[in-house]
């Protein structure tokens, strides 16, 4: 049986080219391993920077932050995606904006599921899983450098 997704999408950014809510749900569902309730919040740079500073001690906006709230009775958490950072990275890496949003959504869902990239072995595993999911969704590998 497929895991169930309850996703709440919040748009708190004035950035252009943000995908519609149904796209974030589609990408999140592709990465699910267990029943999951998630809020995906798309933010501008000021909110992204404040959250990264408050929770990680880093004074800059990052592309994605993941907060796992609970694992029982099902997985619950929040994923924060910073729209201006996503746009800058997509341009710099010559990626489609939707492909990059898809990757960061999948990346955040995998973090909720306990995957990490703190060690080289963990990073290789997480990147392999991300690549499999993203290519199945019809996008190029997010780790191809062009």
Protein backbone atom coordinates (compact mmCIF):
# COMPACT_ATOMS: atom_id res chain seq x y z
CA UNK A 1 0.00 0.00 0.00
CA UNK A 2 1.29 3.46 -0.92
CA UNK A 3 2.15 5.76 1.98
CA UNK A 4 -0.35 8.57 2.53
CA UNK A 5 0.62 12.22 2.20
CA UNK A 6 -1.12 15.11 3.91
CA UNK A 7 0.65 18.20 2.57
CA UNK A 8 -0.06 21.80 3.37
CA UNK A 9 1.60 24.26 1.01
CA UNK A 10 2.17 27.84 2.16
CA UNK A 11 3.30 30.59 -0.19
CA UNK A 12 5.08 33.39 1.71
CA UNK A 13 7.18 34.69 -1.16
CA UNK A 14 6.66 37.31 -3.84
CA UNK A 15 9.14 35.51 -6.11
CA UNK A 16 8.00 34.68 -9.65
CA UNK A 17 8.12 31.16 -11.12
CA UNK A 18 7.06 29.29 -7.98
CA UNK A 19 5.36 26.02 -8.89
CA UNK A 20 1.71 25.43 -7.97
CA UNK A 21 0.80 23.57 -4.78
CA UNK A 22 -0.13 20.39 -6.65
CA UNK A 23 3.44 20.15 -8.00
CA UNK A 24 4.95 20.22 -4.49
CA UNK A 25 2.49 17.49 -3.45
CA UNK A 26 3.42 15.39 -6.50
CA UNK A 27 7.15 15.69 -5.78
CA UNK A 28 6.72 15.02 -2.06
CA UNK A 29 4.60 11.94 -2.70
CA UNK A 30 7.30 10.52 -4.99
CA UNK A 31 9.76 10.50 -2.06
CA UNK A 32 7.48 9.05 0.64
CA UNK A 33 8.48 5.91 2.53
CA UNK A 34 5.83 6.12 5.29
CA UNK A 35 2.62 8.07 5.97
CA UNK A 36 3.64 11.71 6.25
CA UNK A 37 2.06 15.02 7.21
CA UNK A 38 4.14 17.94 6.04
CA UNK A 39 3.88 21.69 5.67
CA UNK A 40 5.97 23.00 2.80
CA UNK A 41 6.46 26.75 3.14
CA UNK A 42 7.95 28.79 0.30
CA UNK A 43 9.63 31.87 1.78
CA UNK A 44 11.58 34.96 0.78
CA UNK A 45 15.18 35.60 1.77
CA UNK A 46 14.49 37.46 5.04
CA UNK A 47 12.42 34.62 6.53
CA UNK A 48 14.81 31.98 5.21
CA UNK A 49 17.78 33.79 6.73
CA UNK A 50 16.04 34.27 10.09
CA UNK A 51 15.08 30.59 10.34
CA UNK A 52 18.57 29.41 9.35
CA UNK A 53 20.13 31.79 11.91
CA UNK A 54 17.72 30.82 14.68
CA UNK A 55 17.81 27.05 14.21
CA UNK A 56 21.24 26.39 12.67
CA UNK A 57 23.28 29.40 13.80
CA UNK A 58 24.07 30.33 10.17
CA UNK A 59 23.42 33.93 9.16
CA UNK A 60 22.32 33.44 5.55
CA UNK A 61 19.32 32.11 3.68
CA UNK A 62 19.78 28.50 2.56
CA UNK A 63 17.83 26.67 -0.12
CA UNK A 64 15.93 24.22 2.10
CA UNK A 65 15.45 23.63 5.81
CA UNK A 66 13.74 20.56 7.25
CA UNK A 67 12.22 20.27 10.72
CA UNK A 68 11.03 16.85 11.87
CA UNK A 69 8.30 17.32 14.47
CA UNK A 70 7.38 13.72 15.30
CA UNK A 71 7.72 10.20 13.95
CA UNK A 72 4.67 8.72 15.73
CA UNK A 73 1.88 7.87 14.92
CA UNK A 74 3.11 9.03 11.51
CA UNK A 75 5.90 11.27 10.28
CA UNK A 76 5.24 14.99 10.71
CA UNK A 77 7.40 17.95 9.84
CA UNK A 78 7.99 21.23 8.09
CA UNK A 79 10.04 21.97 5.00
CA UNK A 80 11.07 25.56 4.29
CA UNK A 81 12.19 26.37 0.75
CA UNK A 82 13.70 29.80 0.06
CA UNK A 83 12.47 30.94 -3.36
CA UNK A 84 15.17 33.55 -4.14
CA UNK A 85 17.93 31.06 -3.28
CA UNK A 86 16.29 28.38 -5.44
CA UNK A 87 16.14 30.79 -8.38
CA UNK A 88 19.79 31.88 -7.97
CA UNK A 89 21.01 28.29 -7.69
CA UNK A 90 18.97 27.09 -10.67
CA UNK A 91 20.44 29.84 -12.84
CA UNK A 92 23.99 29.28 -11.58
CA UNK A 93 23.74 25.50 -12.08
CA UNK A 94 21.93 25.79 -15.46
CA UNK A 95 18.93 23.84 -14.15
CA UNK A 96 15.25 24.31 -14.82
CA UNK A 97 13.55 26.07 -11.92
CA UNK A 98 10.91 23.33 -11.56
CA UNK A 99 13.61 20.64 -11.60
CA UNK A 100 15.40 22.43 -8.77
CA UNK A 101 12.20 22.86 -6.73
CA UNK A 102 11.45 19.16 -7.30
CA UNK A 103 14.93 18.21 -6.08
CA UNK A 104 14.72 20.37 -2.95
CA UNK A 105 11.25 19.04 -2.14
CA UNK A 106 12.49 15.45 -2.45
CA UNK A 107 15.62 16.36 -0.45
CA UNK A 108 13.47 17.79 2.34
CA UNK A 109 11.16 14.76 2.41
CA UNK A 110 14.17 12.44 2.65
CA UNK A 111 15.49 14.48 5.59
CA UNK A 112 12.10 14.03 7.29
CA UNK A 113 12.54 10.30 6.76
CA UNK A 114 15.88 10.38 8.58
CA UNK A 115 18.30 10.55 5.65
CA UNK A 116 21.26 12.85 6.08
CA UNK A 117 24.48 13.92 4.37
CA UNK A 118 26.76 14.46 7.36
CA UNK A 119 29.22 11.77 6.28
CA UNK A 120 30.41 10.85 2.80
CA UNK A 121 28.63 7.48 2.95
CA UNK A 122 25.36 9.10 4.06
CA UNK A 123 25.68 11.75 1.36
CA UNK A 124 26.29 9.13 -1.36
CA UNK A 125 23.23 7.14 -0.25
CA UNK A 126 20.99 10.21 -0.07
CA UNK A 127 22.19 11.49 -3.46
CA UNK A 128 21.57 8.07 -5.07
CA UNK A 129 18.02 7.97 -3.70
CA UNK A 130 17.38 11.58 -4.77
CA UNK A 131 18.69 10.89 -8.26
CA UNK A 132 16.48 7.81 -8.64
CA UNK A 133 13.38 9.73 -7.56
CA UNK A 134 14.12 12.86 -9.61
CA UNK A 135 14.88 10.94 -12.81
CA UNK A 136 11.71 8.84 -12.31
CA UNK A 137 9.83 12.16 -12.15
CA UNK A 138 11.30 13.00 -15.57
CA UNK A 139 13.96 15.51 -14.55
CA UNK A 140 17.72 15.17 -15.11
CA UNK A 141 19.95 14.04 -12.26
CA UNK A 142 20.25 16.93 -9.81
CA UNK A 143 23.95 16.20 -9.41
CA UNK A 144 24.94 16.56 -13.06
CA UNK A 145 27.20 19.57 -13.39
CA UNK A 146 26.68 21.44 -16.66
